[in-house]
Amino acid sequence: MHTLFEFVTYTKSVEYLIAVGFLLLFVAFWRYINTSPVAARRTATAPSLASRLADYVGGFLVPDQTYFHPGHAWVRAESGDVLTVGIDDFGQKLVGKIDTLRLPKVGQRLSQGEPAWELGAAGEVFNMLSPVSGEVVEVNPNALWTPWVVNQDPFGDGWLLKVRTPRKTATLRSLLGTDLAKRWIEDARARLLVQPRHENLGRVLADVGPARDGIARALDNEHWGEIVREFFLTAEDEHETRSNP
């Protein structure tokens, strides 16, 4: 029994030493990866909370290297003569959850400032104006199959179209660059705050960080579609459509 007791004690001592050794090796490895040049580069390139919040203007995301049309569509330059087009953050938050999208077909020609696609939300359908002129060369299938991706990532996975335009430089000059777009978004937010029922915006508009979705319905659940069309610059088009069926 004495010999067996000594054997068990020896075995547990070995296990303890192995566990302590493993812990020391783990601590050394952890310190290495957090002080290595790779970790330093990772820390240096990771966006800080302050830098992410700096991309928000009055609760709405306005990223760099992006151009904007006053009808709340955005444009980003790709290689060659191709431009990517989508709905900006203000537009998607104004509407709320997007249920349906009707996009132009590949090969269709668009004209800047003319209706280009439709989106549906909460029983309403809205036209949106094309920010560019040119030929549609690609349509985002994910946006067609799952339209709410536009709400989740309007400047990323929620893009809508790729358009080839022979006048790429001139087209970009006709749009709002980031600095002008930030002032324009501030003005759009101010227009929301002079709406008759603007006191209802407290739960959706933020002073810092992102605003919530469904701003127009928060303002006026009965006439929210009119508010959206006013900001999308399609109110007159909708009126003419109803007057000339």
Protein backbone atom coordinates (compact mmCIF):
# COMPACT_ATOMS: atom_id res chain seq x y z
CA MET A 1 0.00 0.00 0.00
CA HIS A 2 2.89 2.30 0.81
CA THR A 3 4.39 1.67 -2.63
CA LEU A 4 1.05 2.29 -4.37
CA PHE A 5 0.60 5.55 -2.45
CA GLU A 6 4.03 6.74 -3.52
CA PHE A 7 3.25 5.87 -7.15
CA VAL A 8 -0.04 7.83 -7.14
CA THR A 9 1.64 10.82 -5.48
CA TYR A 10 4.41 10.76 -8.08
CA THR A 11 1.91 10.58 -10.95
CA LYS A 12 -0.11 13.55 -9.68
CA SER A 13 3.10 15.55 -9.23
CA VAL A 14 4.04 14.90 -12.87
CA GLU A 15 0.56 15.93 -14.04
CA TYR A 16 0.80 19.13 -12.00
CA LEU A 17 4.22 19.98 -13.47
CA ILE A 18 2.92 19.36 -17.01
CA ALA A 19 -0.08 21.65 -16.41
CA VAL A 20 2.13 24.40 -14.98
CA GLY A 21 4.56 24.07 -17.88
CA PHE A 22 1.74 24.32 -20.42
CA LEU A 23 0.38 27.42 -18.70
CA LEU A 24 3.80 29.10 -18.76
CA LEU A 25 4.23 28.30 -22.46
CA PHE A 26 0.76 29.69 -23.22
CA VAL A 27 1.50 32.93 -21.35
CA ALA A 28 4.79 33.35 -23.24
CA PHE A 29 3.10 32.69 -26.59
CA TRP A 30 0.29 35.15 -25.78
CA ARG A 31 2.79 37.87 -24.92
CA TYR A 32 4.68 37.18 -28.14
CA ILE A 33 1.71 37.50 -30.49
CA ASN A 34 0.54 40.67 -28.77
CA THR A 35 3.93 42.39 -28.97
CA SER A 36 5.03 41.11 -32.38
CA PRO A 37 5.13 43.36 -35.49
CA VAL A 38 2.07 41.52 -36.86
CA ALA A 39 0.06 42.45 -33.78
CA ALA A 40 1.31 46.00 -33.99
CA ARG A 41 0.19 46.25 -37.60
CA ARG A 42 -3.18 44.71 -36.77
CA THR A 43 -3.71 47.22 -33.97
CA ALA A 44 -2.60 50.12 -36.13
CA THR A 45 -4.95 49.26 -39.00
CA ALA A 46 -8.03 48.31 -36.96
CA PRO A 47 -10.52 51.19 -37.07
CA SER A 48 -11.17 52.77 -33.70
CA LEU A 49 -14.65 53.46 -32.38
CA ALA A 50 -14.01 57.17 -32.86
CA SER A 51 -13.06 56.70 -36.52
CA ARG A 52 -16.14 54.58 -37.19
CA LEU A 53 -18.42 57.13 -35.56
CA ALA A 54 -16.74 59.88 -37.59
CA ASP A 55 -18.34 58.38 -40.71
CA TYR A 56 -21.79 59.18 -39.30
CA VAL A 57 -23.44 62.55 -39.89
CA GLY A 58 -26.54 63.17 -37.81
CA GLY A 59 -27.03 59.42 -37.40
CA PHE A 60 -26.43 58.52 -41.08
CA LEU A 61 -23.42 56.78 -42.60
CA VAL A 62 -21.52 58.84 -45.20
CA PRO A 63 -18.41 56.83 -46.18
CA ASP A 64 -15.38 58.24 -47.96
CA GLN A 65 -14.69 57.62 -51.66
CA THR A 66 -18.41 57.60 -52.36
CA TYR A 67 -20.53 60.02 -54.40
CA PHE A 68 -24.17 60.87 -53.81
CA HIS A 69 -27.18 61.90 -55.88
CA PRO A 70 -29.79 64.21 -54.27
CA GLY A 71 -32.40 61.45 -54.71
CA HIS A 72 -30.48 59.40 -52.08
CA ALA A 73 -28.62 57.01 -54.35
CA TRP A 74 -24.86 56.54 -54.02
CA VAL A 75 -22.18 55.89 -56.63
CA ARG A 76 -18.72 54.38 -56.32
CA ALA A 77 -16.08 54.25 -59.06
CA GLU A 78 -14.87 50.82 -60.18
CA SER A 79 -12.14 49.92 -62.67
CA GLY A 80 -12.53 51.08 -66.25
CA ASP A 81 -15.75 52.91 -67.07
CA VAL A 82 -17.98 51.06 -64.55
CA LEU A 83 -19.79 52.63 -61.61
CA THR A 84 -21.52 50.79 -58.74
CA VAL A 85 -24.87 52.19 -57.63
CA GLY A 86 -26.96 51.73 -54.48
CA ILE A 87 -29.36 53.34 -51.98
CA ASP A 88 -27.71 55.53 -49.36
CA ASP A 89 -28.06 55.09 -45.61
CA PHE A 90 -30.45 58.01 -45.22
CA GLY A 91 -32.76 56.57 -47.89
CA GLN A 92 -32.95 53.07 -46.47
CA LYS A 93 -33.47 54.34 -42.92
CA LEU A 94 -36.15 56.73 -44.10
CA VAL A 95 -38.10 53.84 -45.65
CA GLY A 96 -37.38 51.13 -43.10
CA LYS A 97 -37.27 47.43 -43.91
CA ILE A 98 -37.33 46.94 -47.68
CA ASP A 99 -39.62 44.09 -48.72
CA THR A 100 -39.25 44.09 -52.50
CA LEU A 101 -36.92 45.45 -55.18
CA ARG A 102 -37.58 45.78 -58.88
CA LEU A 103 -34.30 46.48 -60.65
CA PRO A 104 -33.56 47.21 -64.33
CA LYS A 105 -32.30 44.34 -66.47
CA VAL A 106 -28.76 43.92 -67.73
CA GLY A 107 -28.42 45.83 -71.01
CA GLN A 108 -31.03 48.44 -70.09
CA ARG A 109 -29.97 52.06 -70.46
CA LEU A 110 -30.46 54.53 -67.62
CA SER A 111 -30.62 58.32 -67.69
CA GLN A 112 -29.41 60.41 -64.80
CA GLY A 113 -32.31 61.92 -62.86
CA GLU A 114 -34.89 59.54 -64.36
CA PRO A 115 -36.72 56.70 -62.50
CA ALA A 116 -34.51 53.60 -62.56
CA TRP A 117 -35.80 51.09 -59.99
CA GLU A 118 -38.60 50.51 -57.50
CA LEU A 119 -38.54 49.43 -53.89
CA GLY A 120 -41.43 48.28 -51.73
CA ALA A 121 -41.84 48.67 -47.98
CA ALA A 122 -44.84 48.24 -45.67
CA GLY A 123 -47.31 48.20 -48.55
CA GLU A 124 -45.88 51.26 -50.35
CA VAL A 125 -43.92 51.29 -53.61
CA PHE A 126 -41.36 53.99 -54.38
CA ASN A 127 -39.48 54.98 -57.51
CA MET A 128 -35.86 56.01 -57.18
CA LEU A 129 -33.90 58.14 -59.62
CA SER A 130 -30.78 56.94 -61.37
CA PRO A 131 -27.71 58.87 -60.25
CA VAL A 132 -25.91 58.13 -63.53
CA SER A 133 -26.48 57.65 -67.25
CA GLY A 134 -25.28 54.49 -68.94
CA GLU A 135 -25.86 50.79 -69.58
CA VAL A 136 -26.59 48.30 -66.79
CA VAL A 137 -23.91 45.60 -66.93
CA GLU A 138 -24.67 43.78 -63.67
CA VAL A 139 -27.47 43.48 -61.11
CA ASN A 140 -26.95 42.30 -57.53
CA PRO A 141 -28.90 39.01 -57.22
CA ASN A 142 -28.64 39.04 -53.41
CA ALA A 143 -30.51 42.35 -53.29
CA LEU A 144 -33.28 40.87 -55.47
CA TRP A 145 -33.61 37.68 -53.41
CA THR A 146 -33.16 39.27 -49.98
CA PRO A 147 -33.96 43.00 -50.29
CA TRP A 148 -33.35 43.64 -46.59
CA VAL A 149 -29.61 43.28 -47.29
CA VAL A 150 -29.89 46.91 -48.41
CA ASN A 151 -30.89 47.82 -44.86
CA GLN A 152 -28.15 45.72 -43.31
CA ASP A 153 -25.28 46.88 -45.53
CA PRO A 154 -26.31 49.64 -47.96
CA PHE A 155 -22.76 50.50 -49.06
CA GLY A 156 -21.49 46.92 -49.18
CA ASP A 157 -23.43 43.73 -49.88
CA GLY A 158 -26.57 45.81 -50.47
CA TRP A 159 -25.35 47.45 -53.70
CA LEU A 160 -27.87 47.36 -56.56
CA LEU A 161 -26.34 47.89 -60.00
CA LYS A 162 -23.14 48.24 -61.96
CA VAL A 163 -23.43 50.72 -64.82
CA ARG A 164 -21.03 51.36 -67.68
CA THR A 165 -20.82 55.02 -68.62
CA PRO A 166 -18.61 56.56 -71.31
CA ARG A 167 -18.42 59.82 -69.34
CA LYS A 168 -17.28 58.49 -65.98
CA THR A 169 -15.25 61.52 -64.86
CA ALA A 170 -17.93 64.03 -65.87
CA THR A 171 -20.60 61.90 -64.16
CA LEU A 172 -18.72 61.84 -60.86
CA ARG A 173 -18.21 65.61 -61.04
CA SER A 174 -21.97 66.08 -61.34
CA LEU A 175 -22.55 64.27 -58.03
CA LEU A 176 -21.88 65.19 -54.40
CA GLY A 177 -18.46 64.23 -53.08
CA THR A 178 -18.04 63.17 -49.46
CA ASP A 179 -17.53 66.66 -48.00
CA LEU A 180 -20.53 68.15 -49.81
CA ALA A 181 -22.57 65.04 -49.05
CA LYS A 182 -22.00 65.45 -45.32
CA ARG A 183 -23.41 68.99 -45.41
CA TRP A 184 -26.29 67.77 -47.58
CA ILE A 185 -27.13 65.00 -45.08
CA GLU A 186 -27.06 67.56 -42.26
CA ASP A 187 -29.56 69.62 -44.23
CA ALA A 188 -31.75 66.55 -44.85
CA ARG A 189 -31.75 65.78 -41.13
CA ALA A 190 -32.73 69.41 -40.41
CA ARG A 191 -35.64 69.04 -42.84
CA LEU A 192 -36.85 66.04 -40.86
CA LEU A 193 -36.82 68.10 -37.68
CA VAL A 194 -39.15 70.75 -39.13
CA GLN A 195 -41.79 68.18 -40.07
CA PRO A 196 -45.09 68.76 -38.18
CA ARG A 197 -44.64 65.68 -35.97
CA HIS A 198 -40.88 65.82 -35.56
CA GLU A 199 -41.19 65.22 -31.80
CA ASN A 200 -41.77 61.54 -32.68
CA LEU A 201 -38.21 61.27 -34.02
CA GLY A 202 -36.64 61.00 -30.58
CA ARG A 203 -36.70 57.21 -30.68
CA VAL A 204 -35.10 56.84 -34.12
CA LEU A 205 -32.68 59.75 -34.64
CA ALA A 206 -29.33 59.68 -32.85
CA ASP A 207 -26.92 62.50 -32.13
CA VAL A 208 -23.99 60.04 -32.19
CA GLY A 209 -23.83 56.76 -34.08
CA PRO A 210 -26.48 55.28 -36.38
CA ALA A 211 -30.12 56.29 -36.55
CA ARG A 212 -32.72 53.54 -36.48
CA ASP A 213 -34.83 52.37 -39.42
CA GLY A 214 -38.34 53.53 -40.30
CA ILE A 215 -37.95 57.26 -39.82
CA ALA A 216 -40.80 58.30 -42.12
CA ARG A 217 -43.30 56.03 -40.38
CA ALA A 218 -42.16 57.33 -37.01
CA LEU A 219 -42.98 60.83 -38.25
CA ASP A 220 -46.40 60.11 -39.72
CA ASN A 221 -47.69 56.58 -40.00
CA GLU A 222 -50.56 57.67 -42.26
CA HIS A 223 -48.71 59.88 -44.75
CA TRP A 224 -45.20 58.50 -44.47
CA GLY A 225 -45.08 57.57 -48.18
CA GLU A 226 -45.40 61.23 -49.13
CA ILE A 227 -42.45 62.09 -46.91
CA VAL A 228 -40.32 59.43 -48.58
CA ARG A 229 -41.22 60.61 -52.08
CA GLU A 230 -40.38 64.17 -51.15
CA PHE A 231 -36.85 63.17 -50.14
CA PHE A 232 -36.47 60.80 -53.11
CA LEU A 233 -37.45 63.70 -55.44
CA THR A 234 -40.21 61.59 -57.00
CA ALA A 235 -43.30 63.26 -55.53
CA GLU A 236 -44.17 65.00 -58.82
CA ASP A 237 -43.59 61.80 -60.81
CA GLU A 238 -45.99 59.90 -58.55
CA HIS A 239 -48.56 62.68 -58.88
CA GLU A 240 -48.32 62.60 -62.69
CA THR A 241 -48.64 58.81 -62.70
CA ARG A 242 -51.85 58.99 -60.67
CA SER A 243 -53.21 61.80 -62.86
CA ASN A 244 -52.39 59.93 -66.12
CA PRO A 245 -53.06 56.25 -65.56
